[in-house]
Amino acid sequence: MYALGGELVARTLAAQGVSTIYTLCGGHVMGIYDGCLNNNIAVIDFRHEQAAAHAADAHARLTRNIGVAVVTAGPGVTDAVTGVANAYEARSPLVLIGGAAPLKTKGMGALQEMPQLNMFKDITKAAFTITETEKIPQQLHEAFQIALSGRPGPVFIEIPFDVLFNAVEPPEIPSRVIIEPTAPELTAVAQMFEILRAATKPIIIAGTQVYWDSAHT
């Protein structure tokens, strides 16, 4: 049985443990909403895309799982920029999925067409376009890997209208991304303990990675 691109997006999100997406409903990404309904993913609709991006950021911080925002092409994407920039500076794992003009009309001034990737070059860990419907699951999986690995942060993916609404034989959906915390160098840990033990008024300044790795508990 064939599946539309939007259905493949939702199946992949579900496989990654995503239970909620944050959005402002837009025509370029309607297929994703249909897929979410089929895969028991809640769709939380905001009145502004910036709020949706901030909500996805907050979701990530509160749950230690990736927050996902979905916005329509053009003004929907531009409105989400501030929320993505905030997530980047906060090292918050977020995936922003943006609609885009159809590939077949690229460069012809299609509805809400603009150079979206350029806007995110300096405020994401990666920004790319999915150009083939069959590759949606694998490339979304890669986006989750990038967002969670090393220093966490946001990833922007744009999916053109014709790619999202194309019907294909559904490919295999990749399993959930699991990033194991990196083990510390034992000699360095021993040195740290010696310094703390010798200190009379020790102070520890810990970054947010302590929280993301659950090392504070």
N, C-alpha and C. Protein backbone atom coordinates (compact mmCIF):
# COMPACT_ATOMS: atom_id res chain seq x y z
N MET A 1 0.84 -1.19 0.00
CA MET A 1 0.00 0.00 0.00
C MET A 1 0.88 1.25 0.00
N TYR A 2 0.53 2.21 -0.82
CA TYR A 2 1.31 3.44 -0.92
C TYR A 2 1.06 4.35 0.30
N ALA A 3 2.05 5.20 0.59
CA ALA A 3 1.92 6.17 1.68
C ALA A 3 2.38 7.53 1.19
N LEU A 4 1.68 8.56 1.61
CA LEU A 4 2.08 9.92 1.28
C LEU A 4 3.27 10.35 2.14
N GLY A 5 3.98 11.37 1.67
CA GLY A 5 5.13 11.87 2.41
C GLY A 5 4.78 12.31 3.81
N GLY A 6 3.63 12.95 3.97
CA GLY A 6 3.22 13.40 5.30
C GLY A 6 3.01 12.24 6.26
N GLU A 7 2.51 11.13 5.75
CA GLU A 7 2.35 9.93 6.57
C GLU A 7 3.71 9.38 6.98
N LEU A 8 4.68 9.41 6.08
CA LEU A 8 6.03 8.94 6.41
C LEU A 8 6.68 9.82 7.47
N VAL A 9 6.43 11.13 7.40
CA VAL A 9 6.94 12.03 8.44
C VAL A 9 6.39 11.61 9.79
N ALA A 10 5.08 11.42 9.87
CA ALA A 10 4.45 11.08 11.14
C ALA A 10 4.91 9.72 11.66
N ARG A 11 5.02 8.74 10.78
CA ARG A 11 5.49 7.42 11.22
C ARG A 11 6.90 7.50 11.80
N THR A 12 7.73 8.31 11.16
CA THR A 12 9.11 8.45 11.64
C THR A 12 9.14 9.17 12.98
N LEU A 13 8.34 10.22 13.12
CA LEU A 13 8.27 10.93 14.40
C LEU A 13 7.80 9.99 15.51
N ALA A 14 6.78 9.19 15.22
CA ALA A 14 6.28 8.25 16.22
C ALA A 14 7.36 7.25 16.62
N ALA A 15 8.14 6.79 15.65
CA ALA A 15 9.22 5.84 15.94
C ALA A 15 10.30 6.47 16.81
N GLN A 16 10.43 7.79 16.74
CA GLN A 16 11.41 8.51 17.56
C GLN A 16 10.85 8.89 18.92
N GLY A 17 9.65 8.44 19.23
CA GLY A 17 9.05 8.72 20.53
C GLY A 17 8.35 10.05 20.62
N VAL A 18 8.11 10.71 19.49
CA VAL A 18 7.44 12.01 19.51
C VAL A 18 5.94 11.79 19.72
N SER A 19 5.39 12.44 20.72
CA SER A 19 3.96 12.31 21.01
C SER A 19 3.19 13.59 20.72
N THR A 20 3.92 14.70 20.48
CA THR A 20 3.29 16.00 20.28
C THR A 20 4.11 16.82 19.30
N ILE A 21 3.43 17.51 18.39
CA ILE A 21 4.10 18.53 17.57
C ILE A 21 3.43 19.87 17.84
N TYR A 22 4.21 20.94 17.65
CA TYR A 22 3.74 22.30 17.88
C TYR A 22 3.75 23.03 16.55
N THR A 23 2.69 23.76 16.25
CA THR A 23 2.53 24.26 14.89
C THR A 23 1.59 25.46 14.84
N LEU A 24 1.51 26.05 13.66
CA LEU A 24 0.40 26.90 13.26
C LEU A 24 -0.02 26.37 11.90
N CYS A 25 -1.25 25.93 11.81
CA CYS A 25 -1.72 25.22 10.63
C CYS A 25 -1.45 25.99 9.35
N GLY A 26 -0.85 25.32 8.37
CA GLY A 26 -0.56 25.94 7.08
C GLY A 26 -0.69 24.95 5.95
N GLY A 27 -1.03 25.44 4.78
CA GLY A 27 -1.33 24.57 3.65
C GLY A 27 -0.18 23.72 3.18
N HIS A 28 1.05 24.24 3.23
CA HIS A 28 2.19 23.48 2.71
C HIS A 28 2.49 22.22 3.51
N VAL A 29 2.00 22.15 4.75
CA VAL A 29 2.34 21.01 5.62
C VAL A 29 1.11 20.23 6.09
N MET A 30 -0.02 20.42 5.43
CA MET A 30 -1.25 19.75 5.85
C MET A 30 -1.11 18.23 5.88
N GLY A 31 -0.32 17.68 4.99
CA GLY A 31 -0.15 16.23 4.96
C GLY A 31 0.44 15.67 6.24
N ILE A 32 1.27 16.46 6.91
CA ILE A 32 1.87 16.01 8.17
C ILE A 32 0.80 15.88 9.24
N TYR A 33 -0.15 16.81 9.27
CA TYR A 33 -1.22 16.74 10.28
C TYR A 33 -2.06 15.48 10.10
N ASP A 34 -2.39 15.16 8.85
CA ASP A 34 -3.14 13.93 8.59
C ASP A 34 -2.37 12.71 9.09
N GLY A 35 -1.07 12.71 8.85
CA GLY A 35 -0.24 11.60 9.32
C GLY A 35 -0.21 11.52 10.83
N CYS A 36 -0.16 12.67 11.50
CA CYS A 36 -0.14 12.68 12.96
C CYS A 36 -1.43 12.09 13.53
N LEU A 37 -2.55 12.42 12.91
CA LEU A 37 -3.83 11.85 13.37
C LEU A 37 -3.82 10.33 13.24
N ASN A 38 -3.20 9.82 12.20
CA ASN A 38 -3.14 8.37 11.98
C ASN A 38 -2.18 7.67 12.93
N ASN A 39 -1.26 8.44 13.53
CA ASN A 39 -0.21 7.84 14.36
C ASN A 39 -0.24 8.31 15.80
N ASN A 40 -1.39 8.81 16.23
CA ASN A 40 -1.61 9.20 17.63
C ASN A 40 -0.61 10.24 18.13
N ILE A 41 -0.28 11.18 17.28
CA ILE A 41 0.58 12.30 17.66
C ILE A 41 -0.29 13.53 17.83
N ALA A 42 -0.25 14.14 19.00
CA ALA A 42 -1.07 15.32 19.27
C ALA A 42 -0.55 16.52 18.47
N VAL A 43 -1.46 17.29 17.92
CA VAL A 43 -1.12 18.50 17.17
C VAL A 43 -1.59 19.70 17.98
N ILE A 44 -0.64 20.48 18.50
CA ILE A 44 -0.96 21.66 19.29
C ILE A 44 -0.80 22.88 18.40
N ASP A 45 -1.91 23.54 18.13
CA ASP A 45 -1.93 24.66 17.17
C ASP A 45 -1.84 25.99 17.90
N PHE A 46 -0.86 26.80 17.53
CA PHE A 46 -0.66 28.12 18.12
C PHE A 46 -1.15 29.20 17.18
N ARG A 47 -1.10 30.44 17.64
CA ARG A 47 -1.51 31.56 16.81
C ARG A 47 -0.33 32.24 16.13
N HIS A 48 0.87 31.76 16.42
CA HIS A 48 2.07 32.35 15.82
C HIS A 48 3.15 31.29 15.81
N GLU A 49 3.89 31.22 14.72
CA GLU A 49 4.93 30.19 14.60
C GLU A 49 6.07 30.39 15.59
N GLN A 50 6.34 31.63 15.97
CA GLN A 50 7.39 31.84 16.97
C GLN A 50 7.01 31.13 18.27
N ALA A 51 5.74 31.23 18.65
CA ALA A 51 5.27 30.55 19.86
C ALA A 51 5.40 29.04 19.73
N ALA A 52 5.11 28.52 18.55
CA ALA A 52 5.24 27.08 18.33
C ALA A 52 6.69 26.62 18.49
N ALA A 53 7.62 27.40 17.96
CA ALA A 53 9.04 27.06 18.10
C ALA A 53 9.49 27.14 19.55
N HIS A 54 9.04 28.17 20.27
CA HIS A 54 9.39 28.28 21.69
C HIS A 54 8.79 27.11 22.48
N ALA A 55 7.58 26.70 22.12
CA ALA A 55 6.96 25.58 22.82
C ALA A 55 7.74 24.29 22.59
N ALA A 56 8.22 24.08 21.37
CA ALA A 56 9.03 22.89 21.09
C ALA A 56 10.33 22.93 21.88
N ASP A 57 10.91 24.11 22.01
CA ASP A 57 12.11 24.29 22.82
C ASP A 57 11.82 23.94 24.27
N ALA A 58 10.72 24.47 24.80
CA ALA A 58 10.34 24.18 26.18
C ALA A 58 10.08 22.69 26.39
N HIS A 59 9.44 22.07 25.42
CA HIS A 59 9.19 20.62 25.49
C HIS A 59 10.50 19.86 25.64
N ALA A 60 11.49 20.24 24.85
CA ALA A 60 12.79 19.57 24.92
C ALA A 60 13.43 19.75 26.29
N ARG A 61 13.38 20.95 26.81
CA ARG A 61 14.03 21.21 28.10
C ARG A 61 13.36 20.47 29.24
N LEU A 62 12.04 20.37 29.18
CA LEU A 62 11.29 19.75 30.28
C LEU A 62 11.31 18.23 30.24
N THR A 63 11.45 17.67 29.06
CA THR A 63 11.36 16.21 28.91
C THR A 63 12.68 15.54 28.59
N ARG A 64 13.69 16.31 28.21
CA ARG A 64 14.97 15.79 27.72
C ARG A 64 14.80 14.97 26.44
N ASN A 65 13.73 15.21 25.74
CA ASN A 65 13.51 14.61 24.43
C ASN A 65 13.40 15.72 23.40
N ILE A 66 13.58 15.39 22.14
CA ILE A 66 13.53 16.41 21.10
C ILE A 66 12.15 17.03 21.02
N GLY A 67 12.11 18.36 20.92
CA GLY A 67 10.88 19.06 20.63
C GLY A 67 10.74 19.23 19.12
N VAL A 68 9.52 19.10 18.62
CA VAL A 68 9.29 19.18 17.17
C VAL A 68 8.26 20.26 16.88
N ALA A 69 8.63 21.18 16.00
CA ALA A 69 7.71 22.21 15.51
C ALA A 69 7.55 22.04 14.01
N VAL A 70 6.34 22.28 13.52
CA VAL A 70 6.03 22.17 12.09
C VAL A 70 5.41 23.48 11.64
N VAL A 71 5.99 24.09 10.60
CA VAL A 71 5.50 25.39 10.14
C VAL A 71 5.38 25.38 8.62
N THR A 72 4.50 26.23 8.12
CA THR A 72 4.30 26.31 6.69
C THR A 72 5.43 27.08 6.02
N ALA A 73 5.46 27.04 4.71
CA ALA A 73 6.54 27.67 3.94
C ALA A 73 6.51 29.19 4.08
N GLY A 74 7.64 29.81 3.79
CA GLY A 74 7.72 31.27 3.72
C GLY A 74 7.54 31.94 5.06
N PRO A 75 6.46 32.70 5.26
CA PRO A 75 6.27 33.44 6.51
C PRO A 75 6.19 32.54 7.73
N GLY A 76 5.72 31.32 7.56
CA GLY A 76 5.72 30.40 8.68
C GLY A 76 7.13 30.08 9.14
N VAL A 77 8.01 29.86 8.19
CA VAL A 77 9.41 29.57 8.50
C VAL A 77 10.10 30.79 9.10
N THR A 78 9.90 31.97 8.50
CA THR A 78 10.57 33.16 9.01
C THR A 78 10.10 33.50 10.42
N ASP A 79 8.83 33.26 10.71
CA ASP A 79 8.33 33.56 12.05
C ASP A 79 8.95 32.65 13.11
N ALA A 80 9.43 31.48 12.72
CA ALA A 80 9.99 30.54 13.68
C ALA A 80 11.46 30.80 13.99
N VAL A 81 12.08 31.72 13.28
CA VAL A 81 13.53 31.93 13.41
C VAL A 81 13.94 32.26 14.83
N THR A 82 13.24 33.15 15.51
CA THR A 82 13.64 33.56 16.85
C THR A 82 13.62 32.38 17.82
N GLY A 83 12.60 31.55 17.73
CA GLY A 83 12.53 30.38 18.61
C GLY A 83 13.67 29.41 18.36
N VAL A 84 14.04 29.23 17.10
CA VAL A 84 15.15 28.34 16.76
C VAL A 84 16.47 28.93 17.26
N ALA A 85 16.65 30.23 17.08
CA ALA A 85 17.88 30.88 17.55
C ALA A 85 18.02 30.73 19.06
N ASN A 86 16.92 30.86 19.77
CA ASN A 86 16.94 30.71 21.22
C ASN A 86 17.34 29.28 21.60
N ALA A 87 16.79 28.30 20.90
CA ALA A 87 17.14 26.90 21.16
C ALA A 87 18.61 26.64 20.87
N TYR A 88 19.14 27.28 19.84
CA TYR A 88 20.55 27.09 19.48
C TYR A 88 21.46 27.60 20.60
N GLU A 89 21.16 28.79 21.10
CA GLU A 89 22.00 29.35 22.16
C GLU A 89 21.84 28.58 23.47
N ALA A 90 20.68 27.97 23.67
CA ALA A 90 20.42 27.21 24.90
C ALA A 90 20.83 25.75 24.78
N ARG A 91 21.34 25.34 23.62
CA ARG A 91 21.73 23.94 23.38
C ARG A 91 20.53 23.00 23.58
N SER A 92 19.43 23.38 23.01
CA SER A 92 18.20 22.62 23.17
C SER A 92 17.92 21.82 21.90
N PRO A 93 17.74 20.49 22.00
CA PRO A 93 17.50 19.68 20.80
C PRO A 93 16.09 19.91 20.26
N LEU A 94 16.01 20.45 19.08
CA LEU A 94 14.74 20.80 18.46
C LEU A 94 14.83 20.47 16.97
N VAL A 95 13.76 19.93 16.43
CA VAL A 95 13.66 19.74 14.98
C VAL A 95 12.52 20.59 14.46
N LEU A 96 12.85 21.51 13.58
CA LEU A 96 11.85 22.35 12.92
C LEU A 96 11.65 21.82 11.51
N ILE A 97 10.42 21.42 11.21
CA ILE A 97 10.07 20.96 9.87
C ILE A 97 9.29 22.07 9.19
N GLY A 98 9.82 22.55 8.09
CA GLY A 98 9.17 23.63 7.36
C GLY A 98 8.68 23.17 6.00
N GLY A 99 7.54 23.67 5.61
CA GLY A 99 7.08 23.44 4.25
C GLY A 99 7.93 24.23 3.28
N ALA A 100 7.80 23.93 2.00
CA ALA A 100 8.56 24.64 0.97
C ALA A 100 7.80 24.54 -0.35
N ALA A 101 8.11 25.46 -1.24
CA ALA A 101 7.49 25.45 -2.56
C ALA A 101 7.85 24.16 -3.29
N PRO A 102 7.02 23.71 -4.22
CA PRO A 102 7.30 22.47 -4.95
C PRO A 102 8.65 22.51 -5.67
N LEU A 103 9.32 21.38 -5.70
CA LEU A 103 10.60 21.30 -6.40
C LEU A 103 10.46 21.68 -7.87
N LYS A 104 9.36 21.26 -8.49
CA LYS A 104 9.20 21.49 -9.93
C LYS A 104 9.02 22.97 -10.28
N THR A 105 8.72 23.81 -9.29
CA THR A 105 8.58 25.24 -9.56
C THR A 105 9.66 26.05 -8.85
N LYS A 106 10.71 25.39 -8.36
CA LYS A 106 11.78 26.08 -7.65
C LYS A 106 12.41 27.16 -8.54
N GLY A 107 12.55 28.34 -7.98
CA GLY A 107 13.14 29.45 -8.72
C GLY A 107 12.18 30.19 -9.63
N MET A 108 10.90 29.81 -9.59
CA MET A 108 9.92 30.44 -10.47
C MET A 108 8.97 31.37 -9.71
N GLY A 109 9.30 31.65 -8.46
CA GLY A 109 8.47 32.56 -7.68
C GLY A 109 7.16 31.95 -7.23
N ALA A 110 7.19 30.68 -6.85
CA ALA A 110 5.99 30.00 -6.38
C ALA A 110 5.50 30.60 -5.06
N LEU A 111 4.28 30.25 -4.69
CA LEU A 111 3.68 30.78 -3.47
C LEU A 111 4.59 30.56 -2.26
N GLN A 112 4.93 31.66 -1.60
CA GLN A 112 5.71 31.66 -0.36
C GLN A 112 7.10 31.04 -0.53
N GLU A 113 7.62 31.09 -1.74
CA GLU A 113 8.97 30.58 -1.98
C GLU A 113 10.00 31.60 -1.52
N MET A 114 11.00 31.13 -0.81
CA MET A 114 12.13 31.98 -0.41
C MET A 114 13.30 31.09 -0.02
N PRO A 115 14.51 31.66 0.05
CA PRO A 115 15.70 30.86 0.39
C PRO A 115 15.75 30.54 1.89
N GLN A 116 15.00 29.57 2.30
CA GLN A 116 14.81 29.30 3.73
C GLN A 116 16.06 28.74 4.40
N LEU A 117 16.81 27.90 3.72
CA LEU A 117 17.99 27.29 4.35
C LEU A 117 18.99 28.34 4.80
N ASN A 118 19.14 29.39 4.01
CA ASN A 118 20.11 30.44 4.34
C ASN A 118 19.81 31.10 5.68
N MET A 119 18.54 31.16 6.04
CA MET A 119 18.15 31.82 7.29
C MET A 119 18.62 31.04 8.52
N PHE A 120 18.82 29.75 8.36
CA PHE A 120 19.13 28.90 9.51
C PHE A 120 20.58 28.43 9.56
N LYS A 121 21.37 28.85 8.60
CA LYS A 121 22.75 28.37 8.49
C LYS A 121 23.55 28.58 9.77
N ASP A 122 23.37 29.73 10.41
CA ASP A 122 24.19 30.08 11.57
C ASP A 122 23.48 29.85 12.90
N ILE A 123 22.24 29.35 12.89
CA ILE A 123 21.52 29.16 14.16
C ILE A 123 21.00 27.72 14.30
N THR A 124 21.56 26.81 13.53
CA THR A 124 21.21 25.39 13.66
C THR A 124 22.48 24.55 13.54
N LYS A 125 22.38 23.31 13.95
CA LYS A 125 23.48 22.37 13.74
C LYS A 125 23.49 21.87 12.30
N ALA A 126 22.33 21.90 11.66
CA ALA A 126 22.22 21.48 10.26
C ALA A 126 20.91 22.00 9.70
N ALA A 127 20.91 22.27 8.40
CA ALA A 127 19.71 22.71 7.70
C ALA A 127 19.75 22.12 6.30
N PHE A 128 18.72 21.39 5.92
CA PHE A 128 18.75 20.75 4.61
C PHE A 128 17.35 20.52 4.07
N THR A 129 17.28 20.17 2.78
CA THR A 129 16.03 19.90 2.09
C THR A 129 15.90 18.41 1.80
N ILE A 130 14.73 17.86 2.04
CA ILE A 130 14.45 16.49 1.63
C ILE A 130 13.84 16.55 0.24
N THR A 131 14.52 15.96 -0.72
CA THR A 131 14.09 16.09 -2.12
C THR A 131 13.43 14.84 -2.69
N GLU A 132 13.44 13.75 -1.93
CA GLU A 132 12.82 12.50 -2.39
C GLU A 132 11.94 11.94 -1.29
N THR A 133 10.70 11.64 -1.62
CA THR A 133 9.75 11.15 -0.63
C THR A 133 10.25 9.89 0.07
N GLU A 134 10.86 8.99 -0.69
CA GLU A 134 11.34 7.73 -0.12
C GLU A 134 12.41 7.95 0.96
N LYS A 135 13.08 9.08 0.92
CA LYS A 135 14.17 9.33 1.86
C LYS A 135 13.73 10.08 3.11
N ILE A 136 12.43 10.38 3.22
CA ILE A 136 11.95 11.12 4.39
C ILE A 136 12.30 10.42 5.70
N PRO A 137 12.02 9.13 5.88
CA PRO A 137 12.34 8.50 7.16
C PRO A 137 13.82 8.54 7.51
N GLN A 138 14.69 8.22 6.56
CA GLN A 138 16.12 8.18 6.85
C GLN A 138 16.66 9.57 7.16
N GLN A 139 16.23 10.57 6.42
CA GLN A 139 16.77 11.91 6.64
C GLN A 139 16.20 12.55 7.91
N LEU A 140 14.98 12.23 8.26
CA LEU A 140 14.46 12.68 9.55
C LEU A 140 15.22 12.02 10.69
N HIS A 141 15.51 10.74 10.52
CA HIS A 141 16.31 10.01 11.52
C HIS A 141 17.67 10.68 11.69
N GLU A 142 18.29 11.07 10.59
CA GLU A 142 19.58 11.75 10.65
C GLU A 142 19.46 13.09 11.38
N ALA A 143 18.34 13.79 11.16
CA ALA A 143 18.12 15.06 11.84
C ALA A 143 18.06 14.86 13.36
N PHE A 144 17.41 13.80 13.80
CA PHE A 144 17.34 13.51 15.23
C PHE A 144 18.72 13.18 15.78
N GLN A 145 19.50 12.42 15.02
CA GLN A 145 20.86 12.10 15.46
C GLN A 145 21.69 13.36 15.64
N ILE A 146 21.60 14.26 14.68
CA ILE A 146 22.37 15.50 14.73
C ILE A 146 21.93 16.36 15.91
N ALA A 147 20.63 16.47 16.11
CA ALA A 147 20.11 17.33 17.18
C ALA A 147 20.52 16.83 18.56
N LEU A 148 20.63 15.52 18.73
CA LEU A 148 20.91 14.94 20.04
C LEU A 148 22.39 14.71 20.31
N SER A 149 23.21 14.56 19.30
CA SER A 149 24.60 14.17 19.50
C SER A 149 25.47 15.36 19.86
N GLY A 150 26.58 15.06 20.59
CA GLY A 150 27.52 16.12 20.94
C GLY A 150 26.83 17.23 21.72
N ARG A 151 27.07 18.45 21.29
CA ARG A 151 26.33 19.58 21.86
C ARG A 151 24.94 19.57 21.23
N PRO A 152 23.88 19.35 22.03
CA PRO A 152 22.53 19.33 21.46
C PRO A 152 22.18 20.67 20.82
N GLY A 153 21.23 20.64 19.91
CA GLY A 153 20.82 21.88 19.26
C GLY A 153 19.77 21.64 18.20
N PRO A 154 19.27 22.70 17.59
CA PRO A 154 18.20 22.57 16.61
C PRO A 154 18.69 22.17 15.22
N VAL A 155 17.79 21.53 14.49
CA VAL A 155 18.00 21.17 13.09
C VAL A 155 16.77 21.64 12.31
N PHE A 156 17.01 22.23 11.14
CA PHE A 156 15.90 22.66 10.28
C PHE A 156 15.84 21.77 9.05
N ILE A 157 14.65 21.28 8.76
CA ILE A 157 14.41 20.48 7.56
C ILE A 157 13.27 21.12 6.79
N GLU A 158 13.48 21.36 5.50
CA GLU A 158 12.37 21.80 4.67
C GLU A 158 11.97 20.65 3.74
N ILE A 159 10.65 20.49 3.59
CA ILE A 159 10.12 19.44 2.72
C ILE A 159 9.22 20.09 1.68
N PRO A 160 9.63 20.12 0.42
CA PRO A 160 8.81 20.73 -0.62
C PRO A 160 7.41 20.10 -0.71
N PHE A 161 6.47 20.90 -1.16
CA PHE A 161 5.07 20.49 -1.22
C PHE A 161 4.88 19.20 -2.01
N ASP A 162 5.52 19.11 -3.17
CA ASP A 162 5.32 17.92 -4.00
C ASP A 162 5.98 16.68 -3.41
N VAL A 163 7.05 16.85 -2.64
CA VAL A 163 7.68 15.73 -1.96
C VAL A 163 6.78 15.23 -0.83
N LEU A 164 6.17 16.16 -0.12
CA LEU A 164 5.33 15.81 1.02
C LEU A 164 4.03 15.12 0.61
N PHE A 165 3.50 15.50 -0.56
CA PHE A 165 2.22 14.94 -1.00
C PHE A 165 2.38 13.84 -2.06
N ASN A 166 3.60 13.43 -2.30
CA ASN A 166 3.85 12.32 -3.23
C ASN A 166 3.56 10.99 -2.53
N ALA A 167 3.04 10.02 -3.28
CA ALA A 167 2.74 8.70 -2.73
C ALA A 167 3.78 7.69 -3.21
N VAL A 168 4.34 6.93 -2.26
CA VAL A 168 5.39 5.96 -2.59
C VAL A 168 5.16 4.67 -1.80
N GLU A 169 5.84 3.63 -2.23
CA GLU A 169 5.90 2.41 -1.42
C GLU A 169 6.65 2.76 -0.13
N PRO A 170 6.05 2.56 1.02
CA PRO A 170 6.69 3.02 2.26
C PRO A 170 7.99 2.29 2.55
N PRO A 171 9.07 3.03 2.74
CA PRO A 171 10.35 2.41 3.11
C PRO A 171 10.35 2.02 4.59
N GLU A 172 11.38 1.33 4.99
CA GLU A 172 11.52 0.94 6.39
C GLU A 172 11.70 2.19 7.25
N ILE A 173 11.06 2.21 8.41
CA ILE A 173 11.19 3.33 9.34
C ILE A 173 12.33 3.03 10.31
N PRO A 174 13.35 3.88 10.39
CA PRO A 174 14.48 3.61 11.29
C PRO A 174 14.06 3.58 12.75
N SER A 175 14.80 2.86 13.55
CA SER A 175 14.52 2.77 14.98
C SER A 175 14.91 4.07 15.68
N ARG A 176 14.50 4.18 16.92
CA ARG A 176 14.71 5.40 17.69
C ARG A 176 16.19 5.68 17.91
N VAL A 177 16.54 6.94 17.81
CA VAL A 177 17.92 7.37 18.06
C VAL A 177 18.19 7.33 19.56
N ILE A 178 19.24 6.64 19.94
CA ILE A 178 19.66 6.59 21.34
C ILE A 178 21.10 7.09 21.40
N ILE A 179 21.31 8.17 22.12
CA ILE A 179 22.66 8.73 22.29
C ILE A 179 23.13 8.45 23.71
N GLU A 180 24.15 7.63 23.85
CA GLU A 180 24.69 7.33 25.17
C GLU A 180 25.66 8.42 25.60
N PRO A 181 25.56 8.88 26.86
CA PRO A 181 26.51 9.89 27.35
C PRO A 181 27.95 9.38 27.24
N THR A 182 28.85 10.28 26.92
CA THR A 182 30.26 9.93 26.81
C THR A 182 30.86 9.76 28.20
N ALA A 183 31.55 8.65 28.42
CA ALA A 183 32.16 8.41 29.72
C ALA A 183 33.33 9.37 29.94
N PRO A 184 33.48 9.91 31.15
CA PRO A 184 34.58 10.83 31.42
C PRO A 184 35.92 10.10 31.49
N GLU A 185 36.98 10.85 31.31
CA GLU A 185 38.34 10.30 31.43
C GLU A 185 38.64 10.14 32.93
N LEU A 186 38.93 8.93 33.36
CA LEU A 186 39.02 8.63 34.78
C LEU A 186 40.10 9.43 35.50
N THR A 187 41.21 9.66 34.84
CA THR A 187 42.28 10.44 35.47
C THR A 187 41.80 11.86 35.76
N ALA A 188 41.08 12.45 34.81
CA ALA A 188 40.56 13.80 35.01
C ALA A 188 39.55 13.84 36.14
N VAL A 189 38.73 12.80 36.26
CA VAL A 189 37.75 12.74 37.35
C VAL A 189 38.47 12.66 38.70
N ALA A 190 39.50 11.84 38.77
CA ALA A 190 40.26 11.72 40.01
C ALA A 190 40.90 13.05 40.40
N GLN A 191 41.44 13.75 39.42
CA GLN A 191 42.03 15.07 39.68
C GLN A 191 40.98 16.05 40.19
N MET A 192 39.79 15.98 39.62
CA MET A 192 38.72 16.87 40.05
C MET A 192 38.35 16.61 41.51
N PHE A 193 38.25 15.34 41.88
CA PHE A 193 37.91 15.01 43.26
C PHE A 193 38.98 15.50 44.24
N GLU A 194 40.24 15.38 43.84
CA GLU A 194 41.33 15.84 44.70
C GLU A 194 41.25 17.35 44.91
N ILE A 195 40.96 18.07 43.83
CA ILE A 195 40.84 19.53 43.93
C ILE A 195 39.68 19.91 44.84
N LEU A 196 38.55 19.23 44.69
CA LEU A 196 37.39 19.53 45.53
C LEU A 196 37.65 19.18 46.99
N ARG A 197 38.32 18.06 47.22
CA ARG A 197 38.59 17.64 48.59
C ARG A 197 39.53 18.60 49.30
N ALA A 198 40.44 19.19 48.54
CA ALA A 198 41.40 20.11 49.14
C ALA A 198 40.85 21.52 49.29
N ALA A 199 39.75 21.82 48.62
CA ALA A 199 39.20 23.18 48.64
C ALA A 199 38.51 23.46 49.97
N THR A 200 38.63 24.69 50.45
CA THR A 200 37.94 25.09 51.68
C THR A 200 36.55 25.64 51.39
N LYS A 201 36.37 26.28 50.25
CA LYS A 201 35.06 26.79 49.86
C LYS A 201 34.80 26.42 48.38
N PRO A 202 34.55 25.16 48.12
CA PRO A 202 34.43 24.73 46.72
C PRO A 202 33.17 25.26 46.05
N ILE A 203 33.31 25.61 44.80
CA ILE A 203 32.19 26.04 43.96
C ILE A 203 32.25 25.26 42.66
N ILE A 204 31.13 24.69 42.26
CA ILE A 204 31.05 23.98 40.99
C ILE A 204 30.16 24.76 40.04
N ILE A 205 30.71 25.16 38.91
CA ILE A 205 29.92 25.82 37.87
C ILE A 205 29.65 24.78 36.79
N ALA A 206 28.41 24.34 36.70
CA ALA A 206 28.05 23.25 35.79
C ALA A 206 27.20 23.79 34.65
N GLY A 207 27.50 23.35 33.45
CA GLY A 207 26.74 23.77 32.28
C GLY A 207 25.50 22.91 32.07
N THR A 208 24.73 23.26 31.05
CA THR A 208 23.47 22.57 30.81
C THR A 208 23.64 21.12 30.39
N GLN A 209 24.84 20.74 29.93
CA GLN A 209 25.04 19.35 29.54
C GLN A 209 24.88 18.41 30.73
N VAL A 210 25.13 18.93 31.93
CA VAL A 210 24.90 18.13 33.14
C VAL A 210 23.43 17.72 33.22
N TYR A 211 22.55 18.66 32.88
CA TYR A 211 21.11 18.38 32.89
C TYR A 211 20.74 17.39 31.79
N TRP A 212 21.23 17.64 30.56
CA TRP A 212 20.84 16.77 29.44
C TRP A 212 21.31 15.34 29.64
N ASP A 213 22.43 15.16 30.32
CA ASP A 213 22.95 13.81 30.57
C ASP A 213 22.43 13.22 31.88
N SER A 214 21.52 13.95 32.56
CA SER A 214 20.96 13.51 33.84
C SER A 214 22.06 13.27 34.87
N ALA A 215 23.15 14.01 34.77
CA ALA A 215 24.28 13.83 35.67
C ALA A 215 24.10 14.58 36.99
N HIS A 216 23.01 15.32 37.12
CA HIS A 216 22.79 16.10 38.34
C HIS A 216 22.02 15.30 39.39
N THR A 217 21.59 14.09 39.04
CA THR A 217 20.79 13.30 39.98
C THR A 217 21.62 12.19 40.60
